[in-house]
PDB file of N, CA and C in Angstrom:
ATOM      1  N   UNK A   1      -6.450  67.453  66.542  1.00  0.00           N
ATOM      2  CA  UNK A   1      -5.233  67.489  65.751  1.00  0.00           C
ATOM      3  C   UNK A   1      -4.191  66.584  66.409  1.00  0.00           C
ATOM      4  N   UNK A   2      -3.539  65.801  65.605  1.00  0.00           N
ATOM      5  CA  UNK A   2      -2.531  64.871  66.093  1.00  0.00           C
ATOM      6  C   UNK A   2      -1.224  65.605  66.390  1.00  0.00           C
ATOM      7  N   UNK A   3      -0.667  65.337  67.584  1.00  0.00           N
ATOM      8  CA  UNK A   3       0.579  65.982  67.992  1.00  0.00           C
ATOM      9  C   UNK A   3       1.766  65.340  67.274  1.00  0.00           C
ATOM     10  N   UNK A   4       2.770  66.136  66.884  1.00  0.00           N
ATOM     11  CA  UNK A   4       3.947  65.573  66.211  1.00  0.00           C
ATOM     12  C   UNK A   4       4.675  64.573  67.112  1.00  0.00           C
ATOM     13  N   UNK A   5       5.323  63.628  66.490  1.00  0.00           N
ATOM     14  CA  UNK A   5       6.078  62.623  67.233  1.00  0.00           C
ATOM     15  C   UNK A   5       7.273  63.240  67.932  1.00  0.00           C
ATOM     16  N   UNK A   6       7.666  62.593  69.005  1.00  0.00           N
ATOM     17  CA  UNK A   6       8.817  63.032  69.784  1.00  0.00           C
ATOM     18  C   UNK A   6       9.904  61.976  69.626  1.00  0.00           C
ATOM     19  N   UNK A   7      11.146  62.439  69.468  1.00  0.00           N
ATOM     20  CA  UNK A   7      12.268  61.525  69.327  1.00  0.00           C
ATOM     21  C   UNK A   7      13.154  61.645  70.568  1.00  0.00           C
ATOM     22  N   UNK A   8      13.490  60.514  71.162  1.00  0.00           N
ATOM     23  CA  UNK A   8      14.441  60.539  72.267  1.00  0.00           C
ATOM     24  C   UNK A   8      15.826  60.700  71.663  1.00  0.00           C
ATOM     25  N   UNK A   9      16.502  61.758  72.084  1.00  0.00           N
ATOM     26  CA  UNK A   9      17.831  62.081  71.580  1.00  0.00           C
ATOM     27  C   UNK A   9      18.894  61.435  72.466  1.00  0.00           C
ATOM     28  N   UNK A  10      18.695  61.522  73.773  1.00  0.00           N
ATOM     29  CA  UNK A  10      19.644  60.961  74.737  1.00  0.00           C
ATOM     30  C   UNK A  10      18.916  59.947  75.609  1.00  0.00           C
ATOM     31  N   UNK A  11      19.266  58.696  75.435  1.00  0.00           N
ATOM     32  CA  UNK A  11      18.619  57.637  76.209  1.00  0.00           C
ATOM     33  C   UNK A  11      19.113  57.618  77.650  1.00  0.00           C
ATOM     34  N   UNK A  12      20.341  58.012  77.883  1.00  0.00           N
ATOM     35  CA  UNK A  12      20.898  58.000  79.247  1.00  0.00           C
ATOM     36  C   UNK A  12      20.138  58.952  80.158  1.00  0.00           C
ATOM     37  N   UNK A  13      19.831  60.150  79.657  1.00  0.00           N
ATOM     38  CA  UNK A  13      19.159  61.171  80.464  1.00  0.00           C
ATOM     39  C   UNK A  13      17.691  61.348  80.076  1.00  0.00           C
ATOM     40  N   UNK A  14      17.212  60.538  79.141  1.00  0.00           N
ATOM     41  CA  UNK A  14      15.847  60.604  78.611  1.00  0.00           C
ATOM     42  C   UNK A  14      15.503  62.043  78.199  1.00  0.00           C
ATOM     43  N   UNK A  15      16.269  62.526  77.228  1.00  0.00           N
ATOM     44  CA  UNK A  15      16.091  63.874  76.687  1.00  0.00           C
ATOM     45  C   UNK A  15      15.537  63.739  75.274  1.00  0.00           C
ATOM     46  N   UNK A  16      14.486  64.489  74.991  1.00  0.00           N
ATOM     47  CA  UNK A  16      13.852  64.428  73.675  1.00  0.00           C
ATOM     48  C   UNK A  16      14.317  65.574  72.783  1.00  0.00           C
ATOM     49  N   UNK A  17      13.971  65.468  71.511  1.00  0.00           N
ATOM     50  CA  UNK A  17      14.286  66.545  70.578  1.00  0.00           C
ATOM     51  C   UNK A  17      13.572  67.826  70.980  1.00  0.00           C
ATOM     52  N   UNK A  18      12.401  67.707  71.567  1.00  0.00           N
ATOM     53  CA  UNK A  18      11.679  68.901  72.031  1.00  0.00           C
ATOM     54  C   UNK A  18      12.419  69.569  73.192  1.00  0.00           C
ATOM     55  N   UNK A  19      12.980  68.751  74.090  1.00  0.00           N
ATOM     56  CA  UNK A  19      13.763  69.311  75.197  1.00  0.00           C
ATOM     57  C   UNK A  19      14.948  70.110  74.665  1.00  0.00           C
ATOM     58  N   UNK A  20      15.606  69.550  73.649  1.00  0.00           N
ATOM     59  CA  UNK A  20      16.767  70.220  73.061  1.00  0.00           C
ATOM     60  C   UNK A  20      16.331  71.499  72.365  1.00  0.00           C
ATOM     61  N   UNK A  21      15.238  71.443  71.618  1.00  0.00           N
ATOM     62  CA  UNK A  21      14.724  72.624  70.922  1.00  0.00           C
ATOM     63  C   UNK A  21      14.349  73.719  71.920  1.00  0.00           C
ATOM     64  N   UNK A  22      13.722  73.336  73.029  1.00  0.00           N
ATOM     65  CA  UNK A  22      13.366  74.318  74.055  1.00  0.00           C
ATOM     66  C   UNK A  22      14.621  74.964  74.645  1.00  0.00           C
ATOM     67  N   UNK A  23      15.660  74.158  74.873  1.00  0.00           N
ATOM     68  CA  UNK A  23      16.917  74.700  75.408  1.00  0.00           C
ATOM     69  C   UNK A  23      17.545  75.680  74.424  1.00  0.00           C
ATOM     70  N   UNK A  24      17.523  75.326  73.138  1.00  0.00           N
ATOM     71  CA  UNK A  24      18.073  76.207  72.102  1.00  0.00           C
ATOM     72  C   UNK A  24      17.275  77.509  72.049  1.00  0.00           C
ATOM     73  N   UNK A  25      15.954  77.396  72.082  1.00  0.00           N
ATOM     74  CA  UNK A  25      15.100  78.590  72.050  1.00  0.00           C
ATOM     75  C   UNK A  25      15.318  79.477  73.277  1.00  0.00           C
ATOM     76  N   UNK A  26      15.728  78.856  74.393  1.00  0.00           N
ATOM     77  CA  UNK A  26      15.973  79.603  75.631  1.00  0.00           C
ATOM     78  C   UNK A  26      17.378  80.200  75.674  1.00  0.00           C
ATOM     79  N   UNK A  27      18.173  79.962  74.616  1.00  0.00           N
ATOM     80  CA  UNK A  27      19.484  80.603  74.544  1.00  0.00           C
ATOM     81  C   UNK A  27      20.684  79.677  74.531  1.00  0.00           C
ATOM     82  N   UNK A  28      20.478  78.373  74.623  1.00  0.00           N
ATOM     83  CA  UNK A  28      21.597  77.430  74.552  1.00  0.00           C
ATOM     84  C   UNK A  28      22.045  77.350  73.094  1.00  0.00           C
ATOM     85  N   UNK A  29      23.088  78.094  72.754  1.00  0.00           N
ATOM     86  CA  UNK A  29      23.508  78.199  71.359  1.00  0.00           C
ATOM     87  C   UNK A  29      24.806  77.460  71.058  1.00  0.00           C
ATOM     88  N   UNK A  30      25.280  76.666  72.007  1.00  0.00           N
ATOM     89  CA  UNK A  30      26.463  75.837  71.773  1.00  0.00           C
ATOM     90  C   UNK A  30      26.177  74.436  72.306  1.00  0.00           C
ATOM     91  N   UNK A  31      26.994  73.497  71.893  1.00  0.00           N
ATOM     92  CA  UNK A  31      26.835  72.123  72.359  1.00  0.00           C
ATOM     93  C   UNK A  31      26.963  72.050  73.877  1.00  0.00           C
ATOM     94  N   UNK A  32      27.928  72.741  74.426  1.00  0.00           N
ATOM     95  CA  UNK A  32      28.127  72.713  75.882  1.00  0.00           C
ATOM     96  C   UNK A  32      26.904  73.245  76.620  1.00  0.00           C
ATOM     97  N   UNK A  33      26.313  74.326  76.104  1.00  0.00           N
ATOM     98  CA  UNK A  33      25.144  74.908  76.753  1.00  0.00           C
ATOM     99  C   UNK A  33      23.941  73.981  76.671  1.00  0.00           C
ATOM    100  N   UNK A  34      23.776  73.305  75.534  1.00  0.00           N
ATOM    101  CA  UNK A  34      22.678  72.344  75.401  1.00  0.00           C
ATOM    102  C   UNK A  34      22.883  71.189  76.378  1.00  0.00           C
ATOM    103  N   UNK A  35      24.118  70.710  76.476  1.00  0.00           N
ATOM    104  CA  UNK A  35      24.421  69.613  77.410  1.00  0.00           C
ATOM    105  C   UNK A  35      24.136  70.040  78.852  1.00  0.00           C
ATOM    106  N   UNK A  36      24.522  71.247  79.208  1.00  0.00           N
ATOM    107  CA  UNK A  36      24.280  71.732  80.566  1.00  0.00           C
ATOM    108  C   UNK A  36      22.788  71.930  80.830  1.00  0.00           C
ATOM    109  N   UNK A  37      22.062  72.438  79.849  1.00  0.00           N
ATOM    110  CA  UNK A  37      20.640  72.734  80.030  1.00  0.00           C
ATOM    111  C   UNK A  37      19.770  71.486  80.079  1.00  0.00           C
ATOM    112  N   UNK A  38      20.162  70.450  79.347  1.00  0.00           N
ATOM    113  CA  UNK A  38      19.295  69.270  79.221  1.00  0.00           C
ATOM    114  C   UNK A  38      19.845  68.018  79.902  1.00  0.00           C
ATOM    115  N   UNK A  39      21.115  68.014  80.244  1.00  0.00           N
ATOM    116  CA  UNK A  39      21.833  66.841  80.773  1.00  0.00           C
ATOM    117  C   UNK A  39      22.116  65.793  79.697  1.00  0.00           C
ATOM    118  N   UNK A  40      21.775  66.081  78.461  1.00  0.00           N
ATOM    119  CA  UNK A  40      22.095  65.164  77.363  1.00  0.00           C
ATOM    120  C   UNK A  40      23.596  65.207  77.102  1.00  0.00           C
ATOM    121  N   UNK A  41      24.153  64.096  76.637  1.00  0.00           N
ATOM    122  CA  UNK A  41      25.552  64.048  76.245  1.00  0.00           C
ATOM    123  C   UNK A  41      26.533  64.039  77.393  1.00  0.00           C
ATOM    124  N   UNK A  42      26.067  63.820  78.585  1.00  0.00           N
ATOM    125  CA  UNK A  42      26.942  63.923  79.751  1.00  0.00           C
ATOM    126  C   UNK A  42      27.339  62.562  80.310  1.00  0.00           C
ATOM    127  N   UNK A  43      26.855  61.489  79.696  1.00  0.00           N
ATOM    128  CA  UNK A  43      27.219  60.175  80.201  1.00  0.00           C
ATOM    129  C   UNK A  43      27.995  59.386  79.147  1.00  0.00           C
ATOM    130  N   UNK A  44      27.314  58.769  78.213  1.00  0.00           N
ATOM    131  CA  UNK A  44      28.036  57.929  77.236  1.00  0.00           C
ATOM    132  C   UNK A  44      28.514  58.716  76.024  1.00  0.00           C
ATOM    133  N   UNK A  45      27.871  59.860  75.713  1.00  0.00           N
ATOM    134  CA  UNK A  45      28.274  60.680  74.573  1.00  0.00           C
ATOM    135  C   UNK A  45      27.727  60.216  73.237  1.00  0.00           C
ATOM    136  N   UNK A  46      26.907  59.178  73.240  1.00  0.00           N
ATOM    137  CA  UNK A  46      26.379  58.646  71.993  1.00  0.00           C
ATOM    138  C   UNK A  46      25.433  59.585  71.253  1.00  0.00           C
ATOM    139  N   UNK A  47      24.919  60.590  71.934  1.00  0.00           N
ATOM    140  CA  UNK A  47      23.950  61.496  71.323  1.00  0.00           C
ATOM    141  C   UNK A  47      24.578  62.794  70.813  1.00  0.00           C
ATOM    142  N   UNK A  48      25.868  62.934  70.964  1.00  0.00           N
ATOM    143  CA  UNK A  48      26.539  64.195  70.621  1.00  0.00           C
ATOM    144  C   UNK A  48      26.291  64.620  69.171  1.00  0.00           C
ATOM    145  N   UNK A  49      26.373  63.685  68.239  1.00  0.00           N
ATOM    146  CA  UNK A  49      26.181  64.048  66.831  1.00  0.00           C
ATOM    147  C   UNK A  49      24.745  64.504  66.581  1.00  0.00           C
ATOM    148  N   UNK A  50      23.778  63.874  67.248  1.00  0.00           N
ATOM    149  CA  UNK A  50      22.384  64.283  67.094  1.00  0.00           C
ATOM    150  C   UNK A  50      22.163  65.663  67.703  1.00  0.00           C
ATOM    151  N   UNK A  51      22.763  65.902  68.867  1.00  0.00           N
ATOM    152  CA  UNK A  51      22.660  67.225  69.486  1.00  0.00           C
ATOM    153  C   UNK A  51      23.245  68.294  68.575  1.00  0.00           C
ATOM    154  N   UNK A  52      24.400  67.988  68.015  1.00  0.00           N
ATOM    155  CA  UNK A  52      25.050  68.945  67.119  1.00  0.00           C
ATOM    156  C   UNK A  52      24.201  69.179  65.869  1.00  0.00           C
ATOM    157  N   UNK A  53      23.583  68.124  65.348  1.00  0.00           N
ATOM    158  CA  UNK A  53      22.712  68.266  64.180  1.00  0.00           C
ATOM    159  C   UNK A  53      21.514  69.151  64.500  1.00  0.00           C
ATOM    160  N   UNK A  54      20.925  68.994  65.687  1.00  0.00           N
ATOM    161  CA  UNK A  54      19.800  69.839  66.079  1.00  0.00           C
ATOM    162  C   UNK A  54      20.237  71.296  66.209  1.00  0.00           C
ATOM    163  N   UNK A  55      21.416  71.515  66.742  1.00  0.00           N
ATOM    164  CA  UNK A  55      21.948  72.879  66.805  1.00  0.00           C
ATOM    165  C   UNK A  55      22.110  73.463  65.403  1.00  0.00           C
ATOM    166  N   UNK A  56      22.641  72.678  64.500  1.00  0.00           N
ATOM    167  CA  UNK A  56      22.831  73.142  63.120  1.00  0.00           C
ATOM    168  C   UNK A  56      21.491  73.438  62.454  1.00  0.00           C
ATOM    169  N   UNK A  57      20.495  72.590  62.694  1.00  0.00           N
ATOM    170  CA  UNK A  57      19.172  72.810  62.110  1.00  0.00           C
ATOM    171  C   UNK A  57      18.571  74.134  62.560  1.00  0.00           C
ATOM    172  N   UNK A  58      18.926  74.550  63.756  1.00  0.00           N
ATOM    173  CA  UNK A  58      18.413  75.808  64.282  1.00  0.00           C
ATOM    174  C   UNK A  58      19.340  76.979  63.965  1.00  0.00           C
ATOM    175  N   UNK A  59      20.400  76.714  63.190  1.00  0.00           N
ATOM    176  CA  UNK A  59      21.283  77.779  62.734  1.00  0.00           C
ATOM    177  C   UNK A  59      22.138  78.384  63.826  1.00  0.00           C
ATOM    178  N   UNK A  60      22.429  77.612  64.880  1.00  0.00           N
ATOM    179  CA  UNK A  60      23.191  78.168  65.986  1.00  0.00           C
ATOM    180  C   UNK A  60      24.658  77.794  65.966  1.00  0.00           C
ATOM    181  N   UNK A  61      25.055  76.887  65.102  1.00  0.00           N
ATOM    182  CA  UNK A  61      26.458  76.483  65.045  1.00  0.00           C
ATOM    183  C   UNK A  61      26.815  76.073  63.626  1.00  0.00           C
ATOM    184  N   UNK A  62      28.081  76.058  63.328  1.00  0.00           N
ATOM    185  CA  UNK A  62      28.546  75.667  62.002  1.00  0.00           C
ATOM    186  C   UNK A  62      28.693  74.162  61.945  1.00  0.00           C
ATOM    187  N   UNK A  63      28.162  73.503  60.914  1.00  0.00           N
ATOM    188  CA  UNK A  63      28.288  72.053  60.816  1.00  0.00           C
ATOM    189  C   UNK A  63      29.748  71.620  60.696  1.00  0.00           C
ATOM    190  N   UNK A  64      30.041  70.457  61.230  1.00  0.00           N
ATOM    191  CA  UNK A  64      31.370  69.872  61.081  1.00  0.00           C
ATOM    192  C   UNK A  64      31.206  68.468  60.516  1.00  0.00           C
ATOM    193  N   UNK A  65      32.289  67.851  60.030  1.00  0.00           N
ATOM    194  CA  UNK A  65      32.163  66.507  59.469  1.00  0.00           C
ATOM    195  C   UNK A  65      31.533  65.547  60.471  1.00  0.00           C
ATOM    196  N   UNK A  66      30.640  64.693  59.986  1.00  0.00           N
ATOM    197  CA  UNK A  66      29.911  63.781  60.867  1.00  0.00           C
ATOM    198  C   UNK A  66      30.772  62.631  61.370  1.00  0.00           C
ATOM    199  N   UNK A  67      31.935  62.456  60.821  1.00  0.00           N
ATOM    200  CA  UNK A  67      32.753  61.316  61.220  1.00  0.00           C
ATOM    201  C   UNK A  67      33.627  61.597  62.429  1.00  0.00           C
ATOM    202  N   UNK A  68      33.976  62.839  62.667  1.00  0.00           N
ATOM    203  CA  UNK A  68      34.865  63.182  63.765  1.00  0.00           C
ATOM    204  C   UNK A  68      34.350  64.411  64.477  1.00  0.00           C
ATOM    205  N   UNK A  69      34.169  64.334  65.798  1.00  0.00           N
ATOM    206  CA  UNK A  69      33.726  65.537  66.492  1.00  0.00           C
ATOM    207  C   UNK A  69      34.818  66.596  66.474  1.00  0.00           C
ATOM    208  N   UNK A  70      34.399  67.839  66.394  1.00  0.00           N
ATOM    209  CA  UNK A  70      35.394  68.907  66.403  1.00  0.00           C
ATOM    210  C   UNK A  70      36.022  68.995  67.787  1.00  0.00           C
ATOM    211  N   UNK A  71      37.239  69.456  67.864  1.00  0.00           N
ATOM    212  CA  UNK A  71      37.951  69.546  69.144  1.00  0.00           C
ATOM    213  C   UNK A  71      37.197  70.406  70.139  1.00  0.00           C
ATOM    214  N   UNK A  72      36.719  71.614  69.767  1.00  0.00           N
ATOM    215  CA  UNK A  72      36.002  72.420  70.757  1.00  0.00           C
ATOM    216  C   UNK A  72      34.736  71.732  71.257  1.00  0.00           C
ATOM    217  N   UNK A  73      33.999  71.053  70.371  1.00  0.00           N
ATOM    218  CA  UNK A  73      32.779  70.370  70.800  1.00  0.00           C
ATOM    219  C   UNK A  73      33.104  69.247  71.763  1.00  0.00           C
ATOM    220  N   UNK A  74      34.099  68.447  71.441  1.00  0.00           N
ATOM    221  CA  UNK A  74      34.445  67.339  72.316  1.00  0.00           C
ATOM    222  C   UNK A  74      34.977  67.851  73.649  1.00  0.00           C
ATOM    223  N   UNK A  75      35.734  68.936  73.623  1.00  0.00           N
ATOM    224  CA  UNK A  75      36.217  69.529  74.871  1.00  0.00           C
ATOM    225  C   UNK A  75      35.050  70.036  75.703  1.00  0.00           C
ATOM    226  N   UNK A  76      34.039  70.580  75.062  1.00  0.00           N
ATOM    227  CA  UNK A  76      32.867  71.057  75.781  1.00  0.00           C
ATOM    228  C   UNK A  76      32.142  69.903  76.460  1.00  0.00           C
ATOM    229  N   UNK A  77      32.038  68.780  75.751  1.00  0.00           N
ATOM    230  CA  UNK A  77      31.393  67.608  76.335  1.00  0.00           C
ATOM    231  C   UNK A  77      32.219  67.100  77.511  1.00  0.00           C
ATOM    232  N   UNK A  78      33.525  67.063  77.344  1.00  0.00           N
ATOM    233  CA  UNK A  78      34.400  66.618  78.430  1.00  0.00           C
ATOM    234  C   UNK A  78      34.242  67.540  79.641  1.00  0.00           C
ATOM    235  N   UNK A  79      34.190  68.832  79.402  1.00  0.00           N
ATOM    236  CA  UNK A  79      34.018  69.787  80.499  1.00  0.00           C
ATOM    237  C   UNK A  79      32.669  69.582  81.182  1.00  0.00           C
ATOM    238  N   UNK A  80      31.627  69.320  80.380  1.00  0.00           N
ATOM    239  CA  UNK A  80      30.300  69.079  80.959  1.00  0.00           C
ATOM    240  C   UNK A  80      30.301  67.812  81.807  1.00  0.00           C
ATOM    241  N   UNK A  81      31.027  66.801  81.371  1.00  0.00           N
ATOM    242  CA  UNK A  81      31.113  65.561  82.143  1.00  0.00           C
ATOM    243  C   UNK A  81      31.844  65.778  83.463  1.00  0.00           C
ATOM    244  N   UNK A  82      32.759  66.732  83.490  1.00  0.00           N
ATOM    245  CA  UNK A  82      33.551  66.996  84.683  1.00  0.00           C
ATOM    246  C   UNK A  82      32.805  67.914  85.663  1.00  0.00           C
ATOM    247  N   UNK A  83      31.710  68.496  85.214  1.00  0.00           N
ATOM    248  CA  UNK A  83      30.971  69.439  86.026  1.00  0.00           C
ATOM    249  C   UNK A  83      30.427  68.755  87.272  1.00  0.00           C
ATOM    250  N   UNK A  84      30.516  69.395  88.428  1.00  0.00           N
ATOM    251  CA  UNK A  84      29.991  68.809  89.654  1.00  0.00           C
ATOM    252  C   UNK A  84      28.492  68.551  89.586  1.00  0.00           C
ATOM    253  N   UNK A  85      27.791  69.272  88.721  1.00  0.00           N
ATOM    254  CA  UNK A  85      26.338  69.069  88.581  1.00  0.00           C
ATOM    255  C   UNK A  85      25.992  67.738  87.966  1.00  0.00           C
ATOM    256  N   UNK A  86      26.927  67.137  87.228  1.00  0.00           N
ATOM    257  CA  UNK A  86      26.624  65.896  86.537  1.00  0.00           C
ATOM    258  C   UNK A  86      26.512  64.717  87.487  1.00  0.00           C
ATOM    259  N   UNK A  87      27.130  64.791  88.665  1.00  0.00           N
ATOM    260  CA  UNK A  87      27.065  63.706  89.616  1.00  0.00           C
ATOM    261  C   UNK A  87      27.878  62.500  89.208  1.00  0.00           C
ATOM    262  N   UNK A  88      28.727  62.665  88.202  1.00  0.00           N
ATOM    263  CA  UNK A  88      29.521  61.556  87.697  1.00  0.00           C
ATOM    264  C   UNK A  88      30.993  61.832  87.987  1.00  0.00           C
ATOM    265  N   UNK A  89      31.597  60.943  88.686  1.00  0.00           N
ATOM    266  CA  UNK A  89      33.039  61.087  88.942  1.00  0.00           C
ATOM    267  C   UNK A  89      33.786  60.394  87.837  1.00  0.00           C
ATOM    268  N   UNK A  90      34.608  61.124  87.126  1.00  0.00           N
ATOM    269  CA  UNK A  90      35.347  60.539  86.006  1.00  0.00           C
ATOM    270  C   UNK A  90      36.819  60.446  86.336  1.00  0.00           C
TER     271      UNK A  90
END
């Protein structure tokens, strides 16, 4: 049986859609928790909308307009970037 394709969600941290799904299944039910669990979205932020879409697909968060990140989501990403675990001085 052919295995389903894998999509890289975050190129900076090389995080796949399966990694994100596993994090969600393990209890990461917010954008900040997914970012902390997978390291996705902690560098350039280009994957934030995809991460949020995956969360919505799993019914863990309320969708927001795709053109502008919601304030709480963006604050969560900013907080994740400031985390000492990220190794990034901002």
